[in-house]
Amino acid sequence: MNVKCISQPPKELLMAFRQSVKDLLYPSETDAVIVVQSISSDEVGAAFSAQDIRRLFYEDDEDATQPTDIDMAEMLRSDSNGTKAFFRNRLDFITSHTINEVEYKLPDERVNALKWRHLRDLLFDNLIRLRYFNVELAEPDQARKDIYIVGQQVEINIDLDTNEIQTKPLDWIVLSTYVIET
């Protein structure tokens, strides 16, 4: 059997994600950094849930404000709710609004849009089971919303003799940030 791996190795992909978010800040009233980490599939299983978010990021941290609500949305390509919520108009050079208003991005904003596009492409070209989680926090942090993007890396091999694709789910990659909404 003549098999070739056509996906990025886990360590290289994790580094690619960390490099892609290095110069990005998630905009809100307080621009926040985006943190990238890997979580073992043994800790989560085949699907990442709101209970996993609560267990992995809030239960063991006594100093963390606890979630009051965790909303989840699928992140399929561009038209899914999770993708729209996370990227909004960050990918655009020109943003058309529903009331015939058009917003044209300045050169530095266009450079930033290209960075957001690169992050989007890394997500969709390398991860499966992508989900967006929006976590509402209890007082005194109710103005803060934590955001998590999770997806599972997949090893993709091709049998060069038959062109058959073989896949193996690997660990989860998690991007986390937050917004302030007052």
C-alpha atoms as a PDB file:
ATOM      1  CA  MET A   1       0.000   0.000   0.000  1.00  0.00           C
ATOM      2  CA  ASN A   2       1.401   3.370  -1.064  1.00  0.00           C
ATOM      3  CA  VAL A   3      -0.062   5.953   1.368  1.00  0.00           C
ATOM      4  CA  LYS A   4       0.724   9.669   1.586  1.00  0.00           C
ATOM      5  CA  CYS A   5      -0.372  12.066   4.341  1.00  0.00           C
ATOM      6  CA  ILE A   6      -1.856  15.237   2.825  1.00  0.00           C
ATOM      7  CA  SER A   7      -2.717  17.075   6.063  1.00  0.00           C
ATOM      8  CA  GLN A   8      -0.469  19.194   8.275  1.00  0.00           C
ATOM      9  CA  PRO A   9       1.199  17.454  11.219  1.00  0.00           C
ATOM     10  CA  PRO A  10      -0.402  18.426  14.570  1.00  0.00           C
ATOM     11  CA  LYS A  11       2.526  20.465  15.943  1.00  0.00           C
ATOM     12  CA  GLU A  12       2.941  22.369  12.679  1.00  0.00           C
ATOM     13  CA  LEU A  13      -0.767  23.168  12.512  1.00  0.00           C
ATOM     14  CA  LEU A  14      -0.850  24.371  16.109  1.00  0.00           C
ATOM     15  CA  MET A  15       2.107  26.653  15.365  1.00  0.00           C
ATOM     16  CA  ALA A  16       0.389  27.916  12.191  1.00  0.00           C
ATOM     17  CA  PHE A  17      -2.676  28.874  14.238  1.00  0.00           C
ATOM     18  CA  ARG A  18      -0.566  30.603  16.879  1.00  0.00           C
ATOM     19  CA  GLN A  19       1.314  32.522  14.192  1.00  0.00           C
ATOM     20  CA  SER A  20      -1.920  33.552  12.437  1.00  0.00           C
ATOM     21  CA  VAL A  21      -3.458  35.105  15.577  1.00  0.00           C
ATOM     22  CA  LYS A  22      -0.218  36.721  16.751  1.00  0.00           C
ATOM     23  CA  ASP A  23      -1.075  40.139  15.289  1.00  0.00           C
ATOM     24  CA  LEU A  24      -4.871  39.897  15.578  1.00  0.00           C
ATOM     25  CA  LEU A  25      -6.993  41.460  18.296  1.00  0.00           C
ATOM     26  CA  TYR A  26     -10.654  40.551  18.593  1.00  0.00           C
ATOM     27  CA  PRO A  27     -12.456  43.894  18.392  1.00  0.00           C
ATOM     28  CA  SER A  28     -14.954  45.105  20.974  1.00  0.00           C
ATOM     29  CA  GLU A  29     -14.815  47.844  23.585  1.00  0.00           C
ATOM     30  CA  THR A  30     -11.605  46.163  24.705  1.00  0.00           C
ATOM     31  CA  ASP A  31      -9.633  44.570  21.890  1.00  0.00           C
ATOM     32  CA  ALA A  32      -8.647  41.114  23.142  1.00  0.00           C
ATOM     33  CA  VAL A  33      -5.928  38.697  22.148  1.00  0.00           C
ATOM     34  CA  ILE A  34      -6.849  35.309  20.708  1.00  0.00           C
ATOM     35  CA  VAL A  35      -5.331  32.350  22.536  1.00  0.00           C
ATOM     36  CA  VAL A  36      -4.723  29.044  20.747  1.00  0.00           C
ATOM     37  CA  GLN A  37      -4.403  25.731  22.538  1.00  0.00           C
ATOM     38  CA  SER A  38      -4.686  22.034  21.864  1.00  0.00           C
ATOM     39  CA  ILE A  39      -6.909  19.734  23.895  1.00  0.00           C
ATOM     40  CA  SER A  40      -6.609  15.971  23.729  1.00  0.00           C
ATOM     41  CA  SER A  41      -9.450  14.115  22.066  1.00  0.00           C
ATOM     42  CA  ASP A  42      -9.293  11.775  25.086  1.00  0.00           C
ATOM     43  CA  GLU A  43     -10.543  14.662  27.252  1.00  0.00           C
ATOM     44  CA  VAL A  44     -13.436  15.529  24.951  1.00  0.00           C
ATOM     45  CA  GLY A  45     -14.367  12.655  22.683  1.00  0.00           C
ATOM     46  CA  ALA A  46     -16.001  12.943  19.268  1.00  0.00           C
ATOM     47  CA  ALA A  47     -18.019  16.142  19.848  1.00  0.00           C
ATOM     48  CA  PHE A  48     -17.191  19.326  21.750  1.00  0.00           C
ATOM     49  CA  SER A  49     -20.156  20.482  23.849  1.00  0.00           C
ATOM     50  CA  ALA A  50     -21.138  23.340  26.135  1.00  0.00           C
ATOM     51  CA  GLN A  51     -20.528  20.972  29.062  1.00  0.00           C
ATOM     52  CA  ASP A  52     -16.949  20.504  27.821  1.00  0.00           C
ATOM     53  CA  ILE A  53     -16.455  24.292  27.732  1.00  0.00           C
ATOM     54  CA  ARG A  54     -17.747  24.566  31.296  1.00  0.00           C
ATOM     55  CA  ARG A  55     -15.680  21.620  32.556  1.00  0.00           C
ATOM     56  CA  LEU A  56     -12.397  22.501  30.810  1.00  0.00           C
ATOM     57  CA  PHE A  57     -12.340  26.273  31.267  1.00  0.00           C
ATOM     58  CA  TYR A  58     -14.392  27.146  34.350  1.00  0.00           C
ATOM     59  CA  GLU A  59     -14.814  24.293  36.865  1.00  0.00           C
ATOM     60  CA  ASP A  60     -11.209  24.025  38.042  1.00  0.00           C
ATOM     61  CA  ASP A  61     -10.565  27.773  38.051  1.00  0.00           C
ATOM     62  CA  GLU A  62     -11.830  29.070  41.394  1.00  0.00           C
ATOM     63  CA  ASP A  63     -11.042  32.666  40.354  1.00  0.00           C
ATOM     64  CA  ALA A  64     -13.069  32.475  37.146  1.00  0.00           C
ATOM     65  CA  THR A  65     -16.504  33.991  36.991  1.00  0.00           C
ATOM     66  CA  GLN A  66     -18.886  31.158  36.247  1.00  0.00           C
ATOM     67  CA  PRO A  67     -20.982  30.944  33.071  1.00  0.00           C
ATOM     68  CA  THR A  68     -24.684  31.690  33.270  1.00  0.00           C
ATOM     69  CA  ASP A  69     -25.365  30.590  29.693  1.00  0.00           C
ATOM     70  CA  ILE A  70     -23.391  28.956  26.891  1.00  0.00           C
ATOM     71  CA  ASP A  71     -24.715  29.256  23.328  1.00  0.00           C
ATOM     72  CA  MET A  72     -23.327  27.061  20.564  1.00  0.00           C
ATOM     73  CA  ALA A  73     -23.505  27.475  16.800  1.00  0.00           C
ATOM     74  CA  GLU A  74     -22.079  25.306  14.042  1.00  0.00           C
ATOM     75  CA  MET A  75     -19.288  26.774  11.975  1.00  0.00           C
ATOM     76  CA  LEU A  76     -19.703  25.473   8.488  1.00  0.00           C
ATOM     77  CA  ARG A  77     -18.449  27.541   5.589  1.00  0.00           C
ATOM     78  CA  SER A  78     -19.374  31.212   5.264  1.00  0.00           C
ATOM     79  CA  ASP A  79     -23.147  31.072   5.690  1.00  0.00           C
ATOM     80  CA  SER A  80     -23.392  29.368   9.087  1.00  0.00           C
ATOM     81  CA  ASN A  81     -24.371  31.298  12.207  1.00  0.00           C
ATOM     82  CA  GLY A  82     -21.140  30.559  14.090  1.00  0.00           C
ATOM     83  CA  THR A  83     -18.977  31.743  11.195  1.00  0.00           C
ATOM     84  CA  LYS A  84     -21.005  34.942  10.796  1.00  0.00           C
ATOM     85  CA  ALA A  85     -20.908  35.631  14.542  1.00  0.00           C
ATOM     86  CA  PHE A  86     -17.145  35.208  14.849  1.00  0.00           C
ATOM     87  CA  PHE A  87     -15.910  36.833  11.641  1.00  0.00           C
ATOM     88  CA  ARG A  88     -18.699  39.404  11.038  1.00  0.00           C
ATOM     89  CA  ASN A  89     -17.335  41.914   8.507  1.00  0.00           C
ATOM     90  CA  ARG A  90     -13.702  41.350   9.484  1.00  0.00           C
ATOM     91  CA  LEU A  91     -13.020  39.603   6.152  1.00  0.00           C
ATOM     92  CA  ASP A  92     -14.379  42.390   3.955  1.00  0.00           C
ATOM     93  CA  PHE A  93     -12.672  45.054   1.875  1.00  0.00           C
ATOM     94  CA  ILE A  94     -16.133  46.456   1.152  1.00  0.00           C
ATOM     95  CA  THR A  95     -19.096  45.908   3.484  1.00  0.00           C
ATOM     96  CA  SER A  96     -22.582  46.462   2.128  1.00  0.00           C
ATOM     97  CA  HIS A  97     -25.282  47.083   4.694  1.00  0.00           C
ATOM     98  CA  THR A  98     -29.000  46.447   4.289  1.00  0.00           C
ATOM     99  CA  ILE A  99     -29.949  50.125   4.056  1.00  0.00           C
ATOM    100  CA  ASN A 100     -27.851  50.820   0.934  1.00  0.00           C
ATOM    101  CA  GLU A 101     -24.895  52.015   2.957  1.00  0.00           C
ATOM    102  CA  VAL A 102     -21.464  50.871   1.907  1.00  0.00           C
ATOM    103  CA  GLU A 103     -18.354  50.846   4.067  1.00  0.00           C
ATOM    104  CA  TYR A 104     -14.986  50.911   2.256  1.00  0.00           C
ATOM    105  CA  LYS A 105     -11.997  49.643   4.192  1.00  0.00           C
ATOM    106  CA  LEU A 106      -8.801  51.696   4.389  1.00  0.00           C
ATOM    107  CA  PRO A 107      -5.461  50.130   3.351  1.00  0.00           C
ATOM    108  CA  ASP A 108      -4.483  49.092   6.902  1.00  0.00           C
ATOM    109  CA  GLU A 109      -7.959  47.619   7.440  1.00  0.00           C
ATOM    110  CA  ARG A 110      -7.536  45.630   4.210  1.00  0.00           C
ATOM    111  CA  VAL A 111      -4.258  44.193   5.503  1.00  0.00           C
ATOM    112  CA  ASN A 112      -6.079  43.204   8.682  1.00  0.00           C
ATOM    113  CA  ALA A 113      -8.887  41.613   6.608  1.00  0.00           C
ATOM    114  CA  LEU A 114      -6.290  39.454   4.870  1.00  0.00           C
ATOM    115  CA  LYS A 115      -5.060  38.242   8.279  1.00  0.00           C
ATOM    116  CA  TRP A 116      -8.636  37.336   9.268  1.00  0.00           C
ATOM    117  CA  ARG A 117      -9.068  35.513   5.942  1.00  0.00           C
ATOM    118  CA  HIS A 118      -5.912  33.522   6.625  1.00  0.00           C
ATOM    119  CA  LEU A 119      -7.273  32.480  10.034  1.00  0.00           C
ATOM    120  CA  ARG A 120     -10.606  31.506   8.459  1.00  0.00           C
ATOM    121  CA  ASP A 121      -8.828  29.414   5.838  1.00  0.00           C
ATOM    122  CA  LEU A 122      -6.731  27.640   8.483  1.00  0.00           C
ATOM    123  CA  LEU A 123      -9.913  26.742  10.352  1.00  0.00           C
ATOM    124  CA  PHE A 124     -11.863  25.449   7.381  1.00  0.00           C
ATOM    125  CA  ASP A 125      -8.981  23.779   5.557  1.00  0.00           C
ATOM    126  CA  ASN A 126      -7.668  21.822   8.546  1.00  0.00           C
ATOM    127  CA  LEU A 127     -10.392  21.221  11.126  1.00  0.00           C
ATOM    128  CA  ILE A 128     -13.669  19.310  11.267  1.00  0.00           C
ATOM    129  CA  ARG A 129     -16.625  19.569  13.662  1.00  0.00           C
ATOM    130  CA  LEU A 130     -16.123  23.339  13.996  1.00  0.00           C
ATOM    131  CA  ARG A 131     -18.239  25.104  16.592  1.00  0.00           C
ATOM    132  CA  TYR A 132     -18.591  28.609  17.989  1.00  0.00           C
ATOM    133  CA  PHE A 133     -19.404  29.040  21.699  1.00  0.00           C
ATOM    134  CA  ASN A 134     -20.534  32.322  23.263  1.00  0.00           C
ATOM    135  CA  VAL A 135     -20.319  32.214  27.058  1.00  0.00           C
ATOM    136  CA  GLU A 136     -22.266  34.696  29.173  1.00  0.00           C
ATOM    137  CA  LEU A 137     -20.755  35.230  32.601  1.00  0.00           C
ATOM    138  CA  ALA A 138     -22.279  35.916  36.002  1.00  0.00           C
ATOM    139  CA  GLU A 139     -21.756  39.110  37.979  1.00  0.00           C
ATOM    140  CA  PRO A 140     -19.499  40.993  38.300  1.00  0.00           C
ATOM    141  CA  ASP A 141     -18.427  40.103  34.726  1.00  0.00           C
ATOM    142  CA  GLN A 142     -21.817  40.136  32.996  1.00  0.00           C
ATOM    143  CA  ALA A 143     -20.557  42.676  30.396  1.00  0.00           C
ATOM    144  CA  ARG A 144     -17.892  40.205  29.300  1.00  0.00           C
ATOM    145  CA  LYS A 145     -18.674  37.382  26.873  1.00  0.00           C
ATOM    146  CA  ASP A 146     -16.082  34.667  26.385  1.00  0.00           C
ATOM    147  CA  ILE A 147     -15.806  33.235  22.879  1.00  0.00           C
ATOM    148  CA  TYR A 148     -14.453  29.834  21.919  1.00  0.00           C
ATOM    149  CA  ILE A 149     -13.896  28.392  18.454  1.00  0.00           C
ATOM    150  CA  VAL A 150     -13.257  24.652  18.574  1.00  0.00           C
ATOM    151  CA  GLY A 151     -12.467  22.210  15.822  1.00  0.00           C
ATOM    152  CA  GLN A 152     -10.927  18.793  15.563  1.00  0.00           C
ATOM    153  CA  GLN A 153      -7.798  18.273  13.547  1.00  0.00           C
ATOM    154  CA  VAL A 154      -7.967  15.391  11.108  1.00  0.00           C
ATOM    155  CA  GLU A 155      -5.161  13.352   9.621  1.00  0.00           C
ATOM    156  CA  ILE A 156      -5.890  12.809   5.937  1.00  0.00           C
ATOM    157  CA  ASN A 157      -4.090  10.082   4.038  1.00  0.00           C
ATOM    158  CA  ILE A 158      -4.482   9.123   0.412  1.00  0.00           C
ATOM    159  CA  ASP A 159      -3.773   5.694  -1.001  1.00  0.00           C
ATOM    160  CA  LEU A 160      -1.811   6.613  -4.104  1.00  0.00           C
ATOM    161  CA  ASP A 161      -2.681   3.311  -5.784  1.00  0.00           C
ATOM    162  CA  THR A 162      -6.471   3.649  -5.405  1.00  0.00           C
ATOM    163  CA  ASN A 163      -6.959   7.373  -4.623  1.00  0.00           C
ATOM    164  CA  GLU A 164      -8.928   6.283  -1.558  1.00  0.00           C
ATOM    165  CA  ILE A 165      -9.000   8.862   1.256  1.00  0.00           C
ATOM    166  CA  GLN A 166      -8.481   7.613   4.804  1.00  0.00           C
ATOM    167  CA  THR A 167      -9.082   9.904   7.776  1.00  0.00           C
ATOM    168  CA  LYS A 168      -8.306   9.797  11.465  1.00  0.00           C
ATOM    169  CA  PRO A 169      -9.664  12.418  13.919  1.00  0.00           C
ATOM    170  CA  LEU A 170      -6.943  13.849  16.161  1.00  0.00           C
ATOM    171  CA  ASP A 171      -6.902  16.402  18.989  1.00  0.00           C
ATOM    172  CA  TRP A 172      -9.019  19.545  19.278  1.00  0.00           C
ATOM    173  CA  ILE A 173      -7.742  23.038  18.580  1.00  0.00           C
ATOM    174  CA  VAL A 174      -9.373  25.791  20.636  1.00  0.00           C
ATOM    175  CA  LEU A 175      -9.227  29.522  19.930  1.00  0.00           C
ATOM    176  CA  SER A 176     -10.448  31.641  22.821  1.00  0.00           C
ATOM    177  CA  THR A 177     -11.028  35.357  23.254  1.00  0.00           C
ATOM    178  CA  TYR A 178     -13.651  37.673  24.693  1.00  0.00           C
ATOM    179  CA  VAL A 179     -15.716  40.777  24.006  1.00  0.00           C
ATOM    180  CA  ILE A 180     -17.006  43.500  26.288  1.00  0.00           C
ATOM    181  CA  GLU A 181     -20.639  44.474  25.667  1.00  0.00           C
ATOM    182  CA  THR A 182     -21.972  47.401  27.658  1.00  0.00           C
END
